[in-house]
Amino acid sequence: MLLGCEEQQEELRVQPAILTFCTKNFQSDLHSNMAHAQELQLQIRGTGIPEHEPGHGENGAAAPKAAAAAEAEHRRSARCSVRWWLTVAVDMLVVLTAQTVATLLNRLYYTSGGNSKWLSTLTQSGGSPLLAILLFLTPPSPSSPSAELHEPEPAAAKMAAIYLGLGVLIGFDNLMYSYALQYLPVSTFALLAATQLAFNAITSRLINAQRFTALIANSVVVLTFSATLLGVGSSSDGTGTGSSNNNLPRDKYTAGFILTLTASATFALILSLFEATFEKVVKRRTFRWVLKVQLCTNLVATAVSLCGLLASGEWRTVPGEMAAFRDGRARYVATLVGTAVSWQAMSVGSLRLITRVSSLFANVTGTVALPLVPVFAVVLFGDRMTGIKAVAMLMAVWGFLSYVYQHYLDGRRAAEGRKTGAAECGVCAARGRGEAVLHA
C-alpha cells in the first residue's frame, strides 16, 4: 500500500512537468509557423508575384485612376500655360506701347526746342517715385510658391550694393541714349538700337548661361546685319542730319551712331545683371519685388542725373528753354512728365518679363517696337522711310520672329515632357503601392 501511494505521488509530480513541456513546444511551433507564413508572404511580395490578376486588384484599379489624374494635371497645366502667356502678352504690350511713346516724346522734346541732355536723361528715371505709390498699394502676393516663402530675405548690404551699381549704370546708359537720340533721326536710332539684342545674347550666355539654338543664333545674326546695313547706308536718310537740323555735321552723326551702340551694349549688360540678381540674390519673382528693385535702382539713377544736371549748369537754361518751347510751357511740362511715366512703365514691364522668362526675351520684346517707331516718326517728324530702312526693318522683324518661334518650340517640348513624365510617374506610383508595404 505504501509503495502504491508513493507511485501515485510521483505521477502527480511528473504530470505538471509534462504538461508544461508540451505547452511550451506547442507555443514554439505556433510562433515558428506564423513567422514562416509571414516570411513567405514577404517573399511573395518582394519577388513581384502578384497576389491578384492585373486589372482586378487594388493596384490594377489604381493605374487608370493615376492616368486620369495625369490627364487632369495636363489640362490644368495647359490652362496655367494659357494664363501665363496672357500675362506675358500684357507685359509685352506695356513694353511696346511705353517704349514707342517714350521714344517719340523724347524726340518731340528735341524737335520742339529742348536741348538739355541731362534733363532728358532725368526723365528716363525721374518717374521712379511714382512706383513708391504703386508699391504701397500692392499687397503681398498670396500665390507665391512655398519655396520662395521659405527663402531667407537677401542681405540688406548686398542689395544696397546691387542697387548702387545698377543705378549708376542705368544713369550713364540713359545719358548716352539722350545724346544719341539728339544726333540721330528717330527711325535710325530705333533700328540701330536693335544691336542691344546681339549684345544681350553675349551677356546672357556669359552671365545667365542662356542656351543657344540655330533659331536664336539666326535671330542674333539677322538683327546685327540689320543694324550694320542701316549704318553703312546712313547717307540715304541725310547723313549728319537730324529730323529738324540739316546743318548737323557728320561727326555728330558718327558720335550718335557710336553712342547708340555703346548704350545698347550697356543696356544688354544691365538686363543680364537684373536676371542674375533675381536668380541668385533675391530668389523671388513677385510683383512687389519687381517694384522694389525698379524703385531703388532708378532712385540711384535719378540721383546721378540730378548731379549731372546741377554740375553741368544746364539747370540754368531750363526756364528759357521752357519759354522758348514751340508748343508752350504746358506742353513742355506735359512732354517731360509723359516721357518719365512712359519710361517707368516700359522698365517695369521689361523687369517683369525678365523675372517671368529671361533677359533675352525681354530684350527681344523691345525689338518688336522697332517697326512701330519709324512709322510714327515718318508721320510726326517728317523722317524719310528709305528703302534701306525698310529692308533693315524687315530683317529686324525676321530676327524677332525667329526667336519667338524658338521660344514656342521650347514651350511645346516642355509641355509634352511634363505630360509624358506625369503619366509614367502615375503608373509607377500605382505599381509601387504594394512595395511600400514591404518598406514599411
Protein backbone atom coordinates (compact mmCIF):
# COMPACT_ATOMS: atom_id res chain seq x y z
CA MET A 1 0.00 0.00 0.00
CA LEU A 2 2.76 2.40 0.93
CA LEU A 3 4.55 1.58 -2.34
CA GLY A 4 1.40 2.29 -4.36
CA CYS A 5 0.90 5.67 -2.67
CA GLU A 6 4.46 6.72 -3.48
CA GLU A 7 3.97 5.79 -7.17
CA GLN A 8 0.77 7.87 -7.36
CA GLN A 9 2.51 10.87 -5.80
CA GLU A 10 5.40 10.53 -8.27
CA GLU A 11 2.91 10.51 -11.21
CA LEU A 12 1.22 13.62 -9.84
CA ARG A 13 4.58 15.43 -9.75
CA VAL A 14 5.54 14.38 -13.30
CA GLN A 15 2.22 15.30 -14.98
CA PRO A 16 2.53 19.10 -14.47
CA ALA A 17 6.08 18.99 -15.85
CA ILE A 18 4.90 17.07 -18.91
CA LEU A 19 2.02 19.49 -19.36
CA THR A 20 4.36 22.49 -19.11
CA PHE A 21 6.80 20.94 -21.61
CA CYS A 22 4.00 20.23 -24.13
CA THR A 23 2.62 23.72 -23.77
CA LYS A 24 6.00 25.30 -24.48
CA ASN A 25 6.55 23.10 -27.50
CA PHE A 26 3.13 23.97 -28.87
CA GLN A 27 3.72 27.70 -28.44
CA SER A 28 7.15 27.40 -30.03
CA ASP A 29 5.71 25.56 -33.05
CA LEU A 30 2.92 28.11 -33.34
CA HIS A 31 5.33 31.05 -33.38
CA SER A 32 7.56 29.27 -35.85
CA ASN A 33 4.68 28.62 -38.23
CA MET A 34 3.46 32.20 -38.03
CA ALA A 35 6.95 33.55 -38.69
CA HIS A 36 7.31 31.18 -41.63
CA ALA A 37 3.97 32.34 -43.05
CA GLN A 38 4.94 36.00 -42.72
CA GLU A 39 8.31 35.34 -44.30
CA LEU A 40 6.66 33.51 -47.19
CA GLN A 41 4.21 36.39 -47.70
CA LEU A 42 7.03 38.93 -47.75
CA GLN A 43 8.94 36.81 -50.25
CA ILE A 44 5.91 36.63 -52.49
CA ARG A 45 5.53 40.43 -52.43
CA GLY A 46 9.23 41.10 -52.74
CA THR A 47 9.66 38.94 -55.82
CA GLY A 48 6.81 40.77 -57.52
CA ILE A 49 4.48 37.74 -57.78
CA PRO A 50 1.04 39.30 -57.96
CA GLU A 51 -1.49 38.26 -55.38
CA HIS A 52 -4.26 39.23 -57.78
CA GLU A 53 -4.58 39.25 -61.52
CA PRO A 54 -3.60 42.55 -63.11
CA GLY A 55 -6.53 44.87 -63.51
CA HIS A 56 -8.65 43.10 -60.89
CA GLY A 57 -6.92 44.08 -57.66
CA GLU A 58 -6.42 47.37 -55.90
CA ASN A 59 -3.16 48.11 -57.73
CA GLY A 60 -4.66 47.36 -61.11
CA ALA A 61 -7.56 49.69 -60.45
CA ALA A 62 -5.16 52.44 -59.37
CA ALA A 63 -3.37 52.62 -62.73
CA PRO A 64 -6.37 54.01 -64.70
CA LYS A 65 -7.01 56.43 -61.85
CA ALA A 66 -3.42 57.60 -61.98
CA ALA A 67 -3.63 58.02 -65.75
CA ALA A 68 -6.83 60.05 -65.37
CA ALA A 69 -5.17 62.19 -62.71
CA ALA A 70 -2.20 62.75 -65.01
CA GLU A 71 -4.52 63.82 -67.82
CA ALA A 72 -6.33 66.22 -65.48
CA GLU A 73 -2.98 67.63 -64.39
CA HIS A 74 -2.03 68.11 -68.03
CA ARG A 75 -5.24 70.04 -68.72
CA ARG A 76 -4.68 72.13 -65.62
CA SER A 77 -1.10 72.78 -66.76
CA ALA A 78 -2.40 73.83 -70.18
CA ARG A 79 -4.80 76.29 -68.58
CA CYS A 80 -1.96 77.66 -66.47
CA SER A 81 0.15 77.94 -69.61
CA VAL A 82 -2.59 79.96 -71.30
CA ARG A 83 -2.80 82.27 -68.28
CA TRP A 84 0.98 82.57 -68.30
CA TRP A 85 1.06 83.54 -71.96
CA LEU A 86 -1.75 86.07 -71.39
CA THR A 87 0.21 87.65 -68.55
CA VAL A 88 3.36 87.73 -70.66
CA ALA A 89 1.36 89.24 -73.55
CA VAL A 90 0.13 92.03 -71.27
CA ASP A 91 3.68 92.76 -70.16
CA MET A 92 4.81 92.76 -73.80
CA LEU A 93 2.02 95.19 -74.71
CA VAL A 94 3.08 97.51 -71.88
CA VAL A 95 6.70 97.42 -73.08
CA LEU A 96 5.77 98.03 -76.71
CA THR A 97 3.38 100.89 -76.01
CA ALA A 98 5.51 102.60 -73.39
CA GLN A 99 8.75 102.30 -75.36
CA THR A 100 7.15 103.71 -78.51
CA VAL A 101 5.52 106.61 -76.66
CA ALA A 102 8.66 107.42 -74.67
CA THR A 103 10.88 107.42 -77.76
CA LEU A 104 8.51 109.66 -79.69
CA LEU A 105 8.01 112.08 -76.78
CA ASN A 106 11.74 112.29 -76.23
CA ARG A 107 12.20 113.12 -79.88
CA LEU A 108 9.40 115.68 -79.62
CA TYR A 109 11.28 117.35 -76.78
CA TYR A 110 14.30 117.92 -79.02
CA THR A 111 12.42 118.93 -82.17
CA SER A 112 10.31 121.45 -80.24
CA GLY A 113 13.27 123.36 -78.82
CA GLY A 114 14.55 121.23 -75.94
CA ASN A 115 18.29 120.88 -75.73
CA SER A 116 19.23 119.67 -72.22
CA LYS A 117 20.78 116.22 -72.35
CA TRP A 118 20.83 115.85 -68.58
CA LEU A 119 17.16 116.83 -68.30
CA SER A 120 16.27 114.29 -70.96
CA THR A 121 18.33 111.74 -69.04
CA LEU A 122 16.46 112.63 -65.85
CA THR A 123 13.11 111.86 -67.47
CA GLN A 124 14.21 108.27 -68.11
CA SER A 125 14.43 107.53 -64.38
CA GLY A 126 12.79 110.53 -62.71
CA GLY A 127 9.36 108.93 -62.66
CA SER A 128 10.51 106.31 -60.15
CA PRO A 129 8.85 107.99 -57.11
CA LEU A 130 5.52 107.04 -58.68
CA LEU A 131 6.49 103.40 -58.12
CA ALA A 132 6.51 104.02 -54.36
CA ILE A 133 2.76 104.69 -54.51
CA LEU A 134 2.19 101.54 -56.54
CA LEU A 135 4.38 99.55 -54.15
CA PHE A 136 2.39 100.83 -51.17
CA LEU A 137 -0.90 99.83 -52.82
CA THR A 138 0.31 96.36 -53.88
CA PRO A 139 -0.39 93.70 -51.21
CA PRO A 140 1.94 90.76 -50.68
CA SER A 141 1.27 88.07 -53.26
CA PRO A 142 -0.73 85.18 -51.74
CA SER A 143 0.16 82.94 -54.67
CA SER A 144 3.89 82.91 -54.00
CA PRO A 145 5.42 79.44 -54.26
CA SER A 146 6.17 77.84 -50.93
CA ALA A 147 9.85 77.55 -51.85
CA GLU A 148 10.00 81.33 -52.16
CA LEU A 149 8.19 81.84 -48.87
CA HIS A 150 10.83 79.81 -47.03
CA GLU A 151 13.76 81.59 -48.68
CA PRO A 152 15.55 83.99 -46.30
CA GLU A 153 15.48 87.68 -47.07
CA PRO A 154 18.54 88.84 -49.03
CA ALA A 155 21.12 90.74 -47.03
CA ALA A 156 20.48 94.49 -46.92
CA ALA A 157 24.14 95.33 -47.53
CA LYS A 158 24.26 93.11 -50.61
CA MET A 159 21.06 94.59 -52.04
CA ALA A 160 22.31 98.13 -51.36
CA ALA A 161 25.48 97.41 -53.35
CA ILE A 162 23.40 95.97 -56.20
CA TYR A 163 21.06 98.98 -56.21
CA LEU A 164 24.03 101.37 -56.27
CA GLY A 165 25.90 99.57 -59.04
CA LEU A 166 22.90 99.04 -61.31
CA GLY A 167 21.61 102.56 -60.63
CA VAL A 168 24.88 104.18 -61.72
CA LEU A 169 24.95 102.03 -64.87
CA ILE A 170 21.35 102.97 -65.68
CA GLY A 171 22.08 106.68 -65.17
CA PHE A 172 25.01 106.77 -67.61
CA ASP A 173 23.22 104.49 -70.07
CA ASN A 174 20.29 106.92 -70.12
CA LEU A 175 22.72 109.79 -70.76
CA MET A 176 24.23 108.01 -73.77
CA TYR A 177 20.76 107.36 -75.18
CA SER A 178 19.85 111.04 -74.72
CA TYR A 179 22.89 112.24 -76.69
CA ALA A 180 22.33 109.61 -79.38
CA LEU A 181 18.69 110.48 -79.86
CA GLN A 182 19.60 114.14 -80.30
CA TYR A 183 22.15 113.36 -83.01
CA LEU A 184 20.17 110.76 -84.97
CA PRO A 185 16.78 110.64 -86.70
CA VAL A 186 14.40 108.71 -84.52
CA SER A 187 13.92 105.94 -87.08
CA THR A 188 17.69 105.47 -87.44
CA PHE A 189 18.09 105.49 -83.67
CA ALA A 190 15.33 102.93 -83.16
CA LEU A 191 16.64 100.48 -85.75
CA LEU A 192 20.26 100.92 -84.69
CA ALA A 193 19.26 100.14 -81.09
CA ALA A 194 18.39 96.62 -82.28
CA THR A 195 22.03 95.69 -81.68
CA GLN A 196 21.22 95.52 -77.98
CA LEU A 197 19.75 92.08 -78.70
CA ALA A 198 23.05 90.87 -80.15
CA PHE A 199 24.90 92.24 -77.14
CA ASN A 200 22.33 90.71 -74.81
CA ALA A 201 22.85 87.32 -76.45
CA ILE A 202 26.51 87.52 -75.45
CA THR A 203 25.88 88.71 -71.89
CA SER A 204 23.09 86.16 -71.42
CA ARG A 205 25.43 83.37 -72.45
CA LEU A 206 28.24 84.55 -70.19
CA ILE A 207 26.21 85.64 -67.16
CA ASN A 208 22.91 83.74 -67.32
CA ALA A 209 24.03 80.53 -69.11
CA GLN A 210 21.49 81.12 -71.87
CA ARG A 211 21.05 78.12 -74.19
CA PHE A 212 21.55 78.89 -77.88
CA THR A 213 19.95 77.13 -80.81
CA ALA A 214 20.05 77.64 -84.56
CA LEU A 215 16.96 79.85 -84.46
CA ILE A 216 18.32 82.05 -81.67
CA ALA A 217 21.65 82.38 -83.47
CA ASN A 218 19.75 83.26 -86.65
CA SER A 219 17.84 85.93 -84.74
CA VAL A 220 21.01 87.50 -83.37
CA VAL A 221 22.84 87.45 -86.71
CA VAL A 222 19.91 88.88 -88.68
CA LEU A 223 19.37 91.72 -86.22
CA THR A 224 23.08 92.50 -86.23
CA PHE A 225 23.10 92.67 -90.04
CA SER A 226 20.03 94.87 -89.85
CA ALA A 227 21.86 97.44 -87.72
CA THR A 228 25.02 97.16 -89.84
CA LEU A 229 23.06 97.71 -93.05
CA LEU A 230 21.49 100.79 -91.51
CA GLY A 231 24.87 102.22 -90.50
CA VAL A 232 26.54 101.60 -93.88
CA GLY A 233 23.66 103.20 -95.76
CA SER A 234 23.22 106.09 -93.35
CA SER A 235 23.74 108.69 -96.09
CA SER A 236 20.46 107.70 -97.68
CA ASP A 237 18.48 109.45 -94.95
CA GLY A 238 20.71 112.53 -94.85
CA THR A 239 23.90 111.67 -93.05
CA GLY A 240 24.68 114.10 -90.33
CA THR A 241 21.17 115.47 -90.17
CA GLY A 242 18.58 115.21 -87.53
CA SER A 243 14.96 115.41 -88.46
CA SER A 244 14.89 119.11 -87.58
CA ASN A 245 18.52 120.20 -88.06
CA ASN A 246 20.00 119.79 -91.50
CA ASN A 247 23.27 121.52 -90.55
CA LEU A 248 24.45 118.92 -88.04
CA PRO A 249 27.99 117.87 -89.06
CA ARG A 250 28.98 114.33 -89.93
CA ASP A 251 30.98 113.86 -86.72
CA LYS A 252 27.82 114.41 -84.68
CA TYR A 253 26.07 111.68 -86.64
CA THR A 254 29.06 109.38 -86.09
CA ALA A 255 29.01 110.21 -82.38
CA GLY A 256 25.31 109.36 -82.23
CA PHE A 257 25.99 106.08 -84.02
CA ILE A 258 28.76 105.11 -81.56
CA LEU A 259 26.79 106.26 -78.51
CA THR A 260 23.78 104.21 -79.56
CA LEU A 261 25.90 101.07 -79.91
CA THR A 262 27.60 101.68 -76.55
CA ALA A 263 24.28 102.37 -74.83
CA SER A 264 22.82 99.21 -76.37
CA ALA A 265 25.69 97.10 -75.04
CA THR A 266 25.35 98.67 -71.58
CA PHE A 267 21.60 98.11 -71.60
CA ALA A 268 22.12 94.45 -72.50
CA LEU A 269 24.53 94.09 -69.59
CA ILE A 270 22.02 95.73 -67.23
CA LEU A 271 19.28 93.30 -68.26
CA SER A 272 21.52 90.28 -67.68
CA LEU A 273 22.57 91.64 -64.29
CA PHE A 274 18.91 92.10 -63.36
CA GLU A 275 18.21 88.47 -64.24
CA ALA A 276 21.22 87.30 -62.23
CA THR A 277 20.06 89.40 -59.27
CA PHE A 278 16.64 87.75 -59.18
CA GLU A 279 18.07 84.28 -59.79
CA LYS A 280 20.90 84.28 -57.26
CA VAL A 281 20.19 87.01 -54.70
CA VAL A 282 16.52 87.93 -54.46
CA LYS A 283 15.20 84.42 -55.31
CA ARG A 284 11.66 85.81 -55.51
CA ARG A 285 9.62 86.77 -58.55
CA THR A 286 6.67 88.63 -57.06
CA PHE A 287 5.38 91.95 -58.35
CA ARG A 288 6.34 93.66 -55.09
CA TRP A 289 9.98 92.67 -55.54
CA VAL A 290 9.89 93.86 -59.15
CA LEU A 291 8.63 97.25 -57.98
CA LYS A 292 11.13 97.38 -55.12
CA VAL A 293 14.15 96.64 -57.32
CA GLN A 294 12.95 99.00 -60.03
CA LEU A 295 12.30 101.79 -57.49
CA CYS A 296 15.65 101.55 -55.72
CA THR A 297 17.82 101.28 -58.84
CA ASN A 298 16.01 104.15 -60.56
CA LEU A 299 16.28 106.36 -57.49
CA VAL A 300 20.06 105.96 -57.73
CA ALA A 301 19.92 106.69 -61.46
CA THR A 302 17.83 109.79 -60.72
CA ALA A 303 20.43 110.97 -58.22
CA VAL A 304 23.15 110.52 -60.87
CA SER A 305 21.10 112.53 -63.39
CA LEU A 306 20.40 115.30 -60.87
CA CYS A 307 24.10 115.56 -60.01
CA GLY A 308 24.94 115.78 -63.70
CA LEU A 309 22.23 118.39 -64.31
CA LEU A 310 23.47 120.58 -61.45
CA ALA A 311 27.18 120.10 -62.19
CA SER A 312 26.81 120.87 -65.90
CA GLY A 313 24.91 124.09 -65.25
CA GLU A 314 22.12 123.06 -67.63
CA TRP A 315 19.55 123.72 -64.90
CA ARG A 316 20.03 127.46 -65.53
CA THR A 317 18.76 127.07 -69.10
CA VAL A 318 15.53 125.30 -68.11
CA PRO A 319 13.38 128.48 -67.65
CA GLY A 320 14.48 129.90 -71.00
CA GLU A 321 14.05 126.51 -72.65
CA MET A 322 10.53 126.28 -71.27
CA ALA A 323 9.66 129.77 -72.52
CA ALA A 324 11.04 129.08 -75.98
CA PHE A 325 9.39 125.67 -76.32
CA ARG A 326 7.47 125.64 -79.57
CA ASP A 327 4.20 124.34 -78.11
CA GLY A 328 4.22 126.42 -74.92
CA ARG A 329 5.05 125.86 -71.25
CA ALA A 330 2.18 123.46 -70.61
CA ARG A 331 3.24 121.22 -73.49
CA TYR A 332 6.82 121.40 -72.25
CA VAL A 333 5.86 120.07 -68.82
CA ALA A 334 3.44 117.52 -70.30
CA THR A 335 6.13 116.21 -72.66
CA LEU A 336 8.64 115.68 -69.84
CA VAL A 337 6.08 114.12 -67.49
CA GLY A 338 4.72 111.84 -70.20
CA THR A 339 8.24 110.75 -71.11
CA ALA A 340 9.07 109.97 -67.48
CA VAL A 341 5.89 107.94 -66.93
CA SER A 342 6.35 106.05 -70.20
CA TRP A 343 9.93 105.09 -69.41
CA GLN A 344 8.92 103.77 -65.98
CA ALA A 345 6.10 101.71 -67.47
CA MET A 346 8.50 100.29 -70.05
CA SER A 347 11.09 99.48 -67.36
CA VAL A 348 8.59 97.73 -65.08
CA GLY A 349 7.22 95.69 -67.99
CA SER A 350 10.73 94.67 -69.04
CA LEU A 351 11.66 93.67 -65.49
CA ARG A 352 8.52 91.56 -65.20
CA LEU A 353 9.45 89.79 -68.44
CA ILE A 354 12.94 89.18 -67.07
CA THR A 355 11.53 87.53 -63.94
CA ARG A 356 8.91 85.53 -65.86
CA VAL A 357 11.02 84.45 -68.84
CA SER A 358 14.55 85.80 -69.32
CA SER A 359 16.50 88.96 -70.04
CA LEU A 360 16.94 87.87 -73.66
CA PHE A 361 13.18 87.54 -74.11
CA ALA A 362 12.64 90.98 -72.57
CA ASN A 363 15.17 92.42 -74.99
CA VAL A 364 13.56 90.65 -77.93
CA THR A 365 10.24 92.20 -76.94
CA GLY A 366 11.82 95.62 -77.21
CA THR A 367 12.71 94.90 -80.83
CA VAL A 368 9.04 94.46 -81.66
CA ALA A 369 8.67 98.22 -81.23
CA LEU A 370 11.22 98.84 -83.99
CA PRO A 371 8.71 98.64 -86.87
CA LEU A 372 6.33 100.92 -84.96
CA VAL A 373 8.65 103.83 -84.17
CA PRO A 374 9.78 104.60 -87.75
CA VAL A 375 6.19 104.58 -88.98
CA PHE A 376 5.10 107.13 -86.38
CA ALA A 377 8.31 109.10 -86.95
CA VAL A 378 7.50 109.47 -90.64
CA VAL A 379 4.06 110.84 -89.75
CA LEU A 380 5.03 113.04 -86.80
CA PHE A 381 8.56 114.26 -87.55
CA GLY A 382 8.87 114.02 -91.32
CA ASP A 383 11.61 111.37 -91.31
CA ARG A 384 12.11 109.69 -94.64
CA MET A 385 11.41 105.95 -94.86
CA THR A 386 14.06 104.92 -97.38
CA GLY A 387 14.47 101.53 -98.99
CA ILE A 388 17.42 100.66 -96.77
CA LYS A 389 15.38 101.41 -93.67
CA ALA A 390 12.55 99.26 -94.98
CA VAL A 391 14.90 96.33 -95.60
CA ALA A 392 16.51 96.80 -92.18
CA MET A 393 13.09 96.89 -90.57
CA LEU A 394 12.02 93.67 -92.31
CA MET A 395 15.23 91.99 -91.17
CA ALA A 396 14.52 93.12 -87.61
CA VAL A 397 11.05 91.57 -87.79
CA TRP A 398 12.51 88.37 -89.24
CA GLY A 399 15.02 88.12 -86.42
CA PHE A 400 12.33 88.70 -83.81
CA LEU A 401 10.03 86.05 -85.25
CA SER A 402 12.90 83.54 -85.28
CA TYR A 403 13.38 83.95 -81.56
CA VAL A 404 9.66 83.82 -80.79
CA TYR A 405 9.33 80.60 -82.79
CA GLN A 406 12.23 79.07 -80.84
CA HIS A 407 10.53 80.00 -77.58
CA TYR A 408 7.31 78.42 -78.84
CA LEU A 409 9.15 75.19 -79.66
CA ASP A 410 10.79 75.14 -76.21
CA GLY A 411 7.44 75.58 -74.51
CA ARG A 412 5.85 72.87 -76.60
CA ARG A 413 8.62 70.37 -75.84
CA ALA A 414 8.45 71.21 -72.14
CA ALA A 415 4.66 70.66 -72.10
CA GLU A 416 4.99 67.28 -73.85
CA GLY A 417 7.73 66.27 -71.44
CA ARG A 418 5.60 67.17 -68.45
CA LYS A 419 2.65 65.19 -69.83
CA THR A 420 4.73 62.08 -70.52
CA GLY A 421 6.56 62.32 -67.22
CA ALA A 422 3.34 62.74 -65.25
CA ALA A 423 1.73 59.71 -66.89
CA GLU A 424 4.76 57.49 -66.29
CA CYS A 425 5.08 58.62 -62.70
CA GLY A 426 1.39 57.95 -62.09
CA VAL A 427 1.65 54.35 -63.34
CA CYS A 428 4.83 53.77 -61.39
CA ALA A 429 3.19 55.13 -58.28
CA ALA A 430 0.25 52.77 -58.73
CA ARG A 431 2.52 49.77 -59.20
CA GLY A 432 4.70 50.77 -56.28
CA ARG A 433 2.00 50.86 -53.65
CA GLY A 434 2.47 47.15 -52.94
CA GLU A 435 6.22 47.63 -52.49
CA ALA A 436 5.57 50.41 -50.00
CA VAL A 437 4.14 47.80 -47.63
CA LEU A 438 7.41 45.91 -47.73
CA HIS A 439 9.49 49.00 -46.93
CA ALA A 440 7.11 49.97 -44.16
